[in-house]
Amino acid sequence: MVAGSSAQAQWGTLKGPMILDGDVLAVKLLVKKGDAAAKDAAVCAAQDAPDESIAIDKDSKGIGNMAIWLSKKPTKIHPEMIG
């Protein structure tokens, strides 16, 4: 007989849209096109290279490519998010 650990019993699923509350800021550039100081500028600065560490849709304000860690079970959930 195989029993699951108590840590596994604490896993759950979080579903729903993750929406930015506020203004969407302009995407910062990691490398600007034509930046002669960039390493191998002919390749790396051939075009703008945006910082894609955070992905936010400017129209819906939906946030992508994210992970969420809850240290405790929430005591309240917004009524619009209960399905």
PDB file of N, CA and C in Angstrom:
ATOM      1  N   MET A   1       0.842  -1.184   0.000  1.00  0.00           N
ATOM      2  CA  MET A   1       0.000   0.000   0.000  1.00  0.00           C
ATOM      3  C   MET A   1       0.886   1.246   0.000  1.00  0.00           C
ATOM      4  N   VAL A   2       0.558   2.185  -0.871  1.00  0.00           N
ATOM      5  CA  VAL A   2       1.319   3.431  -0.967  1.00  0.00           C
ATOM      6  C   VAL A   2       0.427   4.567  -0.497  1.00  0.00           C
ATOM      7  N   ALA A   3       0.928   5.360   0.407  1.00  0.00           N
ATOM      8  CA  ALA A   3       0.158   6.494   0.927  1.00  0.00           C
ATOM      9  C   ALA A   3       0.820   7.788   0.475  1.00  0.00           C
ATOM     10  N   GLY A   4       0.004   8.790   0.165  1.00  0.00           N
ATOM     11  CA  GLY A   4       0.530  10.095  -0.218  1.00  0.00           C
ATOM     12  C   GLY A   4       1.010  10.857   0.997  1.00  0.00           C
ATOM     13  N   SER A   5       1.927  11.748   0.782  1.00  0.00           N
ATOM     14  CA  SER A   5       2.436  12.541   1.909  1.00  0.00           C
ATOM     15  C   SER A   5       1.432  13.625   2.276  1.00  0.00           C
ATOM     16  N   SER A   6       1.560  14.160   3.474  1.00  0.00           N
ATOM     17  CA  SER A   6       0.658  15.223   3.900  1.00  0.00           C
ATOM     18  C   SER A   6       0.878  16.475   3.067  1.00  0.00           C
ATOM     19  N   ALA A   7       2.087  16.668   2.533  1.00  0.00           N
ATOM     20  CA  ALA A   7       2.349  17.826   1.674  1.00  0.00           C
ATOM     21  C   ALA A   7       1.520  17.738   0.404  1.00  0.00           C
ATOM     22  N   GLN A   8       1.378  16.543  -0.155  1.00  0.00           N
ATOM     23  CA  GLN A   8       0.581  16.386  -1.367  1.00  0.00           C
ATOM     24  C   GLN A   8      -0.878  16.705  -1.100  1.00  0.00           C
ATOM     25  N   ALA A   9      -1.364  16.385   0.083  1.00  0.00           N
ATOM     26  CA  ALA A   9      -2.760  16.640   0.421  1.00  0.00           C
ATOM     27  C   ALA A   9      -3.062  18.133   0.475  1.00  0.00           C
ATOM     28  N   GLN A  10      -2.042  18.960   0.567  1.00  0.00           N
ATOM     29  CA  GLN A  10      -2.233  20.396   0.666  1.00  0.00           C
ATOM     30  C   GLN A  10      -2.247  21.091  -0.694  1.00  0.00           C
ATOM     31  N   TRP A  11      -2.024  20.343  -1.773  1.00  0.00           N
ATOM     32  CA  TRP A  11      -2.029  20.938  -3.107  1.00  0.00           C
ATOM     33  C   TRP A  11      -3.455  21.237  -3.523  1.00  0.00           C
ATOM     34  N   GLY A  12      -3.618  22.233  -4.337  1.00  0.00           N
ATOM     35  CA  GLY A  12      -4.927  22.587  -4.868  1.00  0.00           C
ATOM     36  C   GLY A  12      -4.765  23.201  -6.238  1.00  0.00           C
ATOM     37  N   THR A  13      -5.847  23.638  -6.798  1.00  0.00           N
ATOM     38  CA  THR A  13      -5.833  24.255  -8.114  1.00  0.00           C
ATOM     39  C   THR A  13      -6.426  25.642  -8.009  1.00  0.00           C
ATOM     40  N   LEU A  14      -5.750  26.590  -8.583  1.00  0.00           N
ATOM     41  CA  LEU A  14      -6.226  27.964  -8.619  1.00  0.00           C
ATOM     42  C   LEU A  14      -6.553  28.279 -10.069  1.00  0.00           C
ATOM     43  N   LYS A  15      -7.793  28.594 -10.334  1.00  0.00           N
ATOM     44  CA  LYS A  15      -8.224  28.881 -11.700  1.00  0.00           C
ATOM     45  C   LYS A  15      -8.848  30.257 -11.758  1.00  0.00           C
ATOM     46  N   GLY A  16      -8.696  30.902 -12.881  1.00  0.00           N
ATOM     47  CA  GLY A  16      -9.327  32.193 -13.085  1.00  0.00           C
ATOM     48  C   GLY A  16      -8.355  33.162 -13.706  1.00  0.00           C
ATOM     49  N   PRO A  17      -8.851  34.282 -14.144  1.00  0.00           N
ATOM     50  CA  PRO A  17      -7.981  35.263 -14.782  1.00  0.00           C
ATOM     51  C   PRO A  17      -7.112  35.991 -13.767  1.00  0.00           C
ATOM     52  N   MET A  18      -5.890  36.237 -14.152  1.00  0.00           N
ATOM     53  CA  MET A  18      -4.988  37.060 -13.358  1.00  0.00           C
ATOM     54  C   MET A  18      -4.923  38.404 -14.075  1.00  0.00           C
ATOM     55  N   ILE A  19      -5.468  39.421 -13.463  1.00  0.00           N
ATOM     56  CA  ILE A  19      -5.632  40.725 -14.101  1.00  0.00           C
ATOM     57  C   ILE A  19      -4.844  41.783 -13.334  1.00  0.00           C
ATOM     58  N   LEU A  20      -4.115  42.602 -14.083  1.00  0.00           N
ATOM     59  CA  LEU A  20      -3.366  43.706 -13.493  1.00  0.00           C
ATOM     60  C   LEU A  20      -4.333  44.764 -13.004  1.00  0.00           C
ATOM     61  N   ASP A  21      -4.151  45.221 -11.782  1.00  0.00           N
ATOM     62  CA  ASP A  21      -4.958  46.290 -11.212  1.00  0.00           C
ATOM     63  C   ASP A  21      -4.125  47.564 -11.282  1.00  0.00           C
ATOM     64  N   GLY A  22      -4.311  48.326 -12.345  1.00  0.00           N
ATOM     65  CA  GLY A  22      -3.537  49.550 -12.532  1.00  0.00           C
ATOM     66  C   GLY A  22      -3.175  49.727 -13.988  1.00  0.00           C
ATOM     67  N   ASP A  23      -2.301  50.661 -14.229  1.00  0.00           N
ATOM     68  CA  ASP A  23      -1.889  50.970 -15.600  1.00  0.00           C
ATOM     69  C   ASP A  23      -0.828  49.995 -16.089  1.00  0.00           C
ATOM     70  N   VAL A  24      -0.922  49.640 -17.374  1.00  0.00           N
ATOM     71  CA  VAL A  24       0.092  48.803 -17.999  1.00  0.00           C
ATOM     72  C   VAL A  24       1.254  49.717 -18.391  1.00  0.00           C
ATOM     73  N   LEU A  25       2.421  49.418 -17.867  1.00  0.00           N
ATOM     74  CA  LEU A  25       3.601  50.230 -18.170  1.00  0.00           C
ATOM     75  C   LEU A  25       4.187  49.822 -19.509  1.00  0.00           C
ATOM     76  N   ALA A  26       4.921  50.737 -20.114  1.00  0.00           N
ATOM     77  CA  ALA A  26       5.597  50.438 -21.369  1.00  0.00           C
ATOM     78  C   ALA A  26       6.646  49.353 -21.143  1.00  0.00           C
ATOM     79  N   VAL A  27       6.819  48.505 -22.135  1.00  0.00           N
ATOM     80  CA  VAL A  27       7.806  47.433 -22.041  1.00  0.00           C
ATOM     81  C   VAL A  27       9.203  48.040 -22.114  1.00  0.00           C
ATOM     82  N   LYS A  28      10.049  47.662 -21.173  1.00  0.00           N
ATOM     83  CA  LYS A  28      11.431  48.137 -21.168  1.00  0.00           C
ATOM     84  C   LYS A  28      12.235  47.336 -22.184  1.00  0.00           C
ATOM     85  N   LEU A  29      13.271  47.948 -22.701  1.00  0.00           N
ATOM     86  CA  LEU A  29      14.140  47.268 -23.650  1.00  0.00           C
ATOM     87  C   LEU A  29      15.368  46.730 -22.939  1.00  0.00           C
ATOM     88  N   LEU A  30      15.726  45.500 -23.268  1.00  0.00           N
ATOM     89  CA  LEU A  30      16.980  44.939 -22.776  1.00  0.00           C
ATOM     90  C   LEU A  30      18.128  45.454 -23.631  1.00  0.00           C
ATOM     91  N   VAL A  31      17.888  45.502 -24.944  1.00  0.00           N
ATOM     92  CA  VAL A  31      18.876  46.020 -25.897  1.00  0.00           C
ATOM     93  C   VAL A  31      18.131  46.857 -26.921  1.00  0.00           C
ATOM     94  N   LYS A  32      18.636  48.051 -27.164  1.00  0.00           N
ATOM     95  CA  LYS A  32      18.028  48.932 -28.162  1.00  0.00           C
ATOM     96  C   LYS A  32      18.680  48.685 -29.516  1.00  0.00           C
ATOM     97  N   LYS A  33      17.884  48.727 -30.573  1.00  0.00           N
ATOM     98  CA  LYS A  33      18.388  48.517 -31.921  1.00  0.00           C
ATOM     99  C   LYS A  33      19.542  49.479 -32.201  1.00  0.00           C
ATOM    100  N   GLY A  34      20.633  48.925 -32.696  1.00  0.00           N
ATOM    101  CA  GLY A  34      21.797  49.733 -33.057  1.00  0.00           C
ATOM    102  C   GLY A  34      22.732  50.051 -31.905  1.00  0.00           C
ATOM    103  N   ASP A  35      22.501  49.500 -30.727  1.00  0.00           N
ATOM    104  CA  ASP A  35      23.351  49.768 -29.560  1.00  0.00           C
ATOM    105  C   ASP A  35      24.735  49.150 -29.782  1.00  0.00           C
ATOM    106  N   ALA A  36      25.704  49.998 -30.061  1.00  0.00           N
ATOM    107  CA  ALA A  36      27.065  49.533 -30.346  1.00  0.00           C
ATOM    108  C   ALA A  36      27.726  48.899 -29.122  1.00  0.00           C
ATOM    109  N   ALA A  37      27.231  49.200 -27.928  1.00  0.00           N
ATOM    110  CA  ALA A  37      27.812  48.633 -26.708  1.00  0.00           C
ATOM    111  C   ALA A  37      27.340  47.206 -26.440  1.00  0.00           C
ATOM    112  N   ALA A  38      26.340  46.752 -27.180  1.00  0.00           N
ATOM    113  CA  ALA A  38      25.835  45.387 -26.975  1.00  0.00           C
ATOM    114  C   ALA A  38      26.868  44.372 -27.442  1.00  0.00           C
ATOM    115  N   LYS A  39      26.944  43.255 -26.729  1.00  0.00           N
ATOM    116  CA  LYS A  39      27.842  42.182 -27.134  1.00  0.00           C
ATOM    117  C   LYS A  39      27.385  41.685 -28.503  1.00  0.00           C
ATOM    118  N   ASP A  40      28.314  41.557 -29.443  1.00  0.00           N
ATOM    119  CA  ASP A  40      28.016  41.137 -30.810  1.00  0.00           C
ATOM    120  C   ASP A  40      26.861  41.974 -31.362  1.00  0.00           C
ATOM    121  N   ALA A  41      27.071  43.294 -31.376  1.00  0.00           N
ATOM    122  CA  ALA A  41      26.032  44.256 -31.746  1.00  0.00           C
ATOM    123  C   ALA A  41      25.394  43.973 -33.096  1.00  0.00           C
ATOM    124  N   ALA A  42      26.146  43.430 -34.051  1.00  0.00           N
ATOM    125  CA  ALA A  42      25.590  43.145 -35.377  1.00  0.00           C
ATOM    126  C   ALA A  42      24.430  42.152 -35.280  1.00  0.00           C
ATOM    127  N   VAL A  43      24.476  41.274 -34.290  1.00  0.00           N
ATOM    128  CA  VAL A  43      23.413  40.282 -34.112  1.00  0.00           C
ATOM    129  C   VAL A  43      22.469  40.708 -32.986  1.00  0.00           C
ATOM    130  N   CYS A  44      23.018  40.997 -31.820  1.00  0.00           N
ATOM    131  CA  CYS A  44      22.214  41.260 -30.630  1.00  0.00           C
ATOM    132  C   CYS A  44      21.495  42.604 -30.669  1.00  0.00           C
ATOM    133  N   ALA A  45      21.989  43.548 -31.441  1.00  0.00           N
ATOM    134  CA  ALA A  45      21.346  44.862 -31.542  1.00  0.00           C
ATOM    135  C   ALA A  45      20.783  45.093 -32.941  1.00  0.00           C
ATOM    136  N   ALA A  46      20.523  44.009 -33.661  1.00  0.00           N
ATOM    137  CA  ALA A  46      19.936  44.134 -34.999  1.00  0.00           C
ATOM    138  C   ALA A  46      18.504  44.663 -34.922  1.00  0.00           C
ATOM    139  N   GLN A  47      17.864  44.435 -33.799  1.00  0.00           N
ATOM    140  CA  GLN A  47      16.521  44.966 -33.563  1.00  0.00           C
ATOM    141  C   GLN A  47      16.343  45.164 -32.062  1.00  0.00           C
ATOM    142  N   ASP A  48      15.304  45.899 -31.674  1.00  0.00           N
ATOM    143  CA  ASP A  48      15.019  46.078 -30.256  1.00  0.00           C
ATOM    144  C   ASP A  48      14.758  44.717 -29.620  1.00  0.00           C
ATOM    145  N   ALA A  49      15.276  44.523 -28.413  1.00  0.00           N
ATOM    146  CA  ALA A  49      15.033  43.295 -27.649  1.00  0.00           C
ATOM    147  C   ALA A  49      14.275  43.679 -26.385  1.00  0.00           C
ATOM    148  N   PRO A  50      12.954  43.431 -26.354  1.00  0.00           N
ATOM    149  CA  PRO A  50      12.156  43.812 -25.192  1.00  0.00           C
ATOM    150  C   PRO A  50      12.377  42.873 -24.013  1.00  0.00           C
ATOM    151  N   ASP A  51      12.200  43.406 -22.815  1.00  0.00           N
ATOM    152  CA  ASP A  51      12.255  42.592 -21.600  1.00  0.00           C
ATOM    153  C   ASP A  51      10.911  41.878 -21.484  1.00  0.00           C
ATOM    154  N   GLU A  52      10.906  40.572 -21.664  1.00  0.00           N
ATOM    155  CA  GLU A  52       9.667  39.798 -21.634  1.00  0.00           C
ATOM    156  C   GLU A  52       9.530  39.000 -20.341  1.00  0.00           C
ATOM    157  N   SER A  53      10.163  39.482 -19.268  1.00  0.00           N
ATOM    158  CA  SER A  53      10.092  38.768 -17.993  1.00  0.00           C
ATOM    159  C   SER A  53       8.696  38.833 -17.390  1.00  0.00           C
ATOM    160  N   ILE A  54       7.907  39.792 -17.818  1.00  0.00           N
ATOM    161  CA  ILE A  54       6.505  39.851 -17.409  1.00  0.00           C
ATOM    162  C   ILE A  54       5.682  40.083 -18.670  1.00  0.00           C
ATOM    163  N   ALA A  55       4.619  39.313 -18.827  1.00  0.00           N
ATOM    164  CA  ALA A  55       3.778  39.404 -20.014  1.00  0.00           C
ATOM    165  C   ALA A  55       2.395  39.895 -19.611  1.00  0.00           C
ATOM    166  N   ILE A  56       2.056  41.120 -20.037  1.00  0.00           N
ATOM    167  CA  ILE A  56       0.750  41.706 -19.740  1.00  0.00           C
ATOM    168  C   ILE A  56       0.118  42.149 -21.047  1.00  0.00           C
ATOM    169  N   ASP A  57      -1.102  41.687 -21.307  1.00  0.00           N
ATOM    170  CA  ASP A  57      -1.835  42.106 -22.494  1.00  0.00           C
ATOM    171  C   ASP A  57      -2.348  43.526 -22.273  1.00  0.00           C
ATOM    172  N   LYS A  58      -1.993  44.440 -23.168  1.00  0.00           N
ATOM    173  CA  LYS A  58      -2.344  45.850 -22.952  1.00  0.00           C
ATOM    174  C   LYS A  58      -3.845  46.111 -23.024  1.00  0.00           C
ATOM    175  N   ASP A  59      -4.596  45.251 -23.730  1.00  0.00           N
ATOM    176  CA  ASP A  59      -6.039  45.467 -23.849  1.00  0.00           C
ATOM    177  C   ASP A  59      -6.819  44.867 -22.674  1.00  0.00           C
ATOM    178  N   SER A  60      -6.552  43.614 -22.347  1.00  0.00           N
ATOM    179  CA  SER A  60      -7.310  42.944 -21.282  1.00  0.00           C
ATOM    180  C   SER A  60      -6.653  43.078 -19.909  1.00  0.00           C
ATOM    181  N   LYS A  61      -5.377  43.471 -19.882  1.00  0.00           N
ATOM    182  CA  LYS A  61      -4.568  43.547 -18.665  1.00  0.00           C
ATOM    183  C   LYS A  61      -4.346  42.172 -18.044  1.00  0.00           C
ATOM    184  N   GLY A  62      -4.565  41.133 -18.840  1.00  0.00           N
ATOM    185  CA  GLY A  62      -4.316  39.772 -18.379  1.00  0.00           C
ATOM    186  C   GLY A  62      -2.827  39.522 -18.254  1.00  0.00           C
ATOM    187  N   ILE A  63      -2.432  38.829 -17.191  1.00  0.00           N
ATOM    188  CA  ILE A  63      -1.023  38.556 -16.930  1.00  0.00           C
ATOM    189  C   ILE A  63      -0.746  37.100 -17.296  1.00  0.00           C
ATOM    190  N   GLY A  64       0.312  36.885 -18.065  1.00  0.00           N
ATOM    191  CA  GLY A  64       0.681  35.534 -18.468  1.00  0.00           C
ATOM    192  C   GLY A  64       2.014  35.122 -17.894  1.00  0.00           C
ATOM    193  N   ASN A  65       2.323  33.853 -18.037  1.00  0.00           N
ATOM    194  CA  ASN A  65       3.618  33.305 -17.617  1.00  0.00           C
ATOM    195  C   ASN A  65       3.923  33.617 -16.162  1.00  0.00           C
ATOM    196  N   MET A  66       3.023  33.230 -15.284  1.00  0.00           N
ATOM    197  CA  MET A  66       3.245  33.534 -13.875  1.00  0.00           C
ATOM    198  C   MET A  66       2.995  32.312 -13.009  1.00  0.00           C
ATOM    199  N   ALA A  67       3.547  32.345 -11.841  1.00  0.00           N
ATOM    200  CA  ALA A  67       3.324  31.310 -10.843  1.00  0.00           C
ATOM    201  C   ALA A  67       2.865  31.995  -9.559  1.00  0.00           C
ATOM    202  N   ILE A  68       2.029  31.314  -8.822  1.00  0.00           N
ATOM    203  CA  ILE A  68       1.497  31.888  -7.583  1.00  0.00           C
ATOM    204  C   ILE A  68       1.794  30.935  -6.436  1.00  0.00           C
ATOM    205  N   TRP A  69       2.258  31.485  -5.350  1.00  0.00           N
ATOM    206  CA  TRP A  69       2.522  30.698  -4.151  1.00  0.00           C
ATOM    207  C   TRP A  69       1.710  31.305  -3.021  1.00  0.00           C
ATOM    208  N   LEU A  70       0.839  30.515  -2.424  1.00  0.00           N
ATOM    209  CA  LEU A  70       0.066  30.963  -1.270  1.00  0.00           C
ATOM    210  C   LEU A  70       0.645  30.304  -0.036  1.00  0.00           C
ATOM    211  N   SER A  71       1.093  31.091   0.912  1.00  0.00           N
ATOM    212  CA  SER A  71       1.681  30.513   2.117  1.00  0.00           C
ATOM    213  C   SER A  71       0.608  29.983   3.068  1.00  0.00           C
ATOM    214  N   LYS A  72      -0.613  30.511   2.946  1.00  0.00           N
ATOM    215  CA  LYS A  72      -1.732  30.030   3.756  1.00  0.00           C
ATOM    216  C   LYS A  72      -2.976  29.961   2.882  1.00  0.00           C
ATOM    217  N   LYS A  73      -3.900  29.130   3.282  1.00  0.00           N
ATOM    218  CA  LYS A  73      -5.180  29.037   2.590  1.00  0.00           C
ATOM    219  C   LYS A  73      -5.902  30.374   2.750  1.00  0.00           C
ATOM    220  N   PRO A  74      -6.444  30.940   1.646  1.00  0.00           N
ATOM    221  CA  PRO A  74      -7.145  32.220   1.777  1.00  0.00           C
ATOM    222  C   PRO A  74      -8.409  32.072   2.615  1.00  0.00           C
ATOM    223  N   THR A  75      -8.711  33.092   3.394  1.00  0.00           N
ATOM    224  CA  THR A  75      -9.916  33.063   4.222  1.00  0.00           C
ATOM    225  C   THR A  75     -11.110  33.641   3.475  1.00  0.00           C
ATOM    226  N   LYS A  76     -10.843  34.457   2.446  1.00  0.00           N
ATOM    227  CA  LYS A  76     -11.908  35.046   1.641  1.00  0.00           C
ATOM    228  C   LYS A  76     -11.532  34.952   0.176  1.00  0.00           C
ATOM    229  N   ILE A  77     -12.533  34.781  -0.673  1.00  0.00           N
ATOM    230  CA  ILE A  77     -12.353  34.801  -2.120  1.00  0.00           C
ATOM    231  C   ILE A  77     -13.359  35.796  -2.669  1.00  0.00           C
ATOM    232  N   HIS A  78     -12.922  36.656  -3.580  1.00  0.00           N
ATOM    233  CA  HIS A  78     -13.798  37.667  -4.158  1.00  0.00           C
ATOM    234  C   HIS A  78     -15.008  36.966  -4.783  1.00  0.00           C
ATOM    235  N   PRO A  79     -16.232  37.433  -4.509  1.00  0.00           N
ATOM    236  CA  PRO A  79     -17.446  36.767  -5.013  1.00  0.00           C
ATOM    237  C   PRO A  79     -17.482  36.574  -6.527  1.00  0.00           C
ATOM    238  N   GLU A  80     -16.899  37.500  -7.284  1.00  0.00           N
ATOM    239  CA  GLU A  80     -16.901  37.374  -8.744  1.00  0.00           C
ATOM    240  C   GLU A  80     -15.984  36.255  -9.220  1.00  0.00           C
ATOM    241  N   MET A  81     -15.092  35.785  -8.362  1.00  0.00           N
ATOM    242  CA  MET A  81     -14.134  34.757  -8.753  1.00  0.00           C
ATOM    243  C   MET A  81     -14.576  33.353  -8.372  1.00  0.00           C
ATOM    244  N   ILE A  82     -15.722  33.248  -7.713  1.00  0.00           N
ATOM    245  CA  ILE A  82     -16.226  31.923  -7.326  1.00  0.00           C
ATOM    246  C   ILE A  82     -17.081  31.413  -8.474  1.00  0.00           C
ATOM    247  N   GLY A  83     -16.738  30.241  -8.987  1.00  0.00           N
ATOM    248  CA  GLY A  83     -17.447  29.730 -10.153  1.00  0.00           C
ATOM    249  C   GLY A  83     -18.222  28.574  -9.811  1.00  0.00           C
TER     250      GLY A  83
END
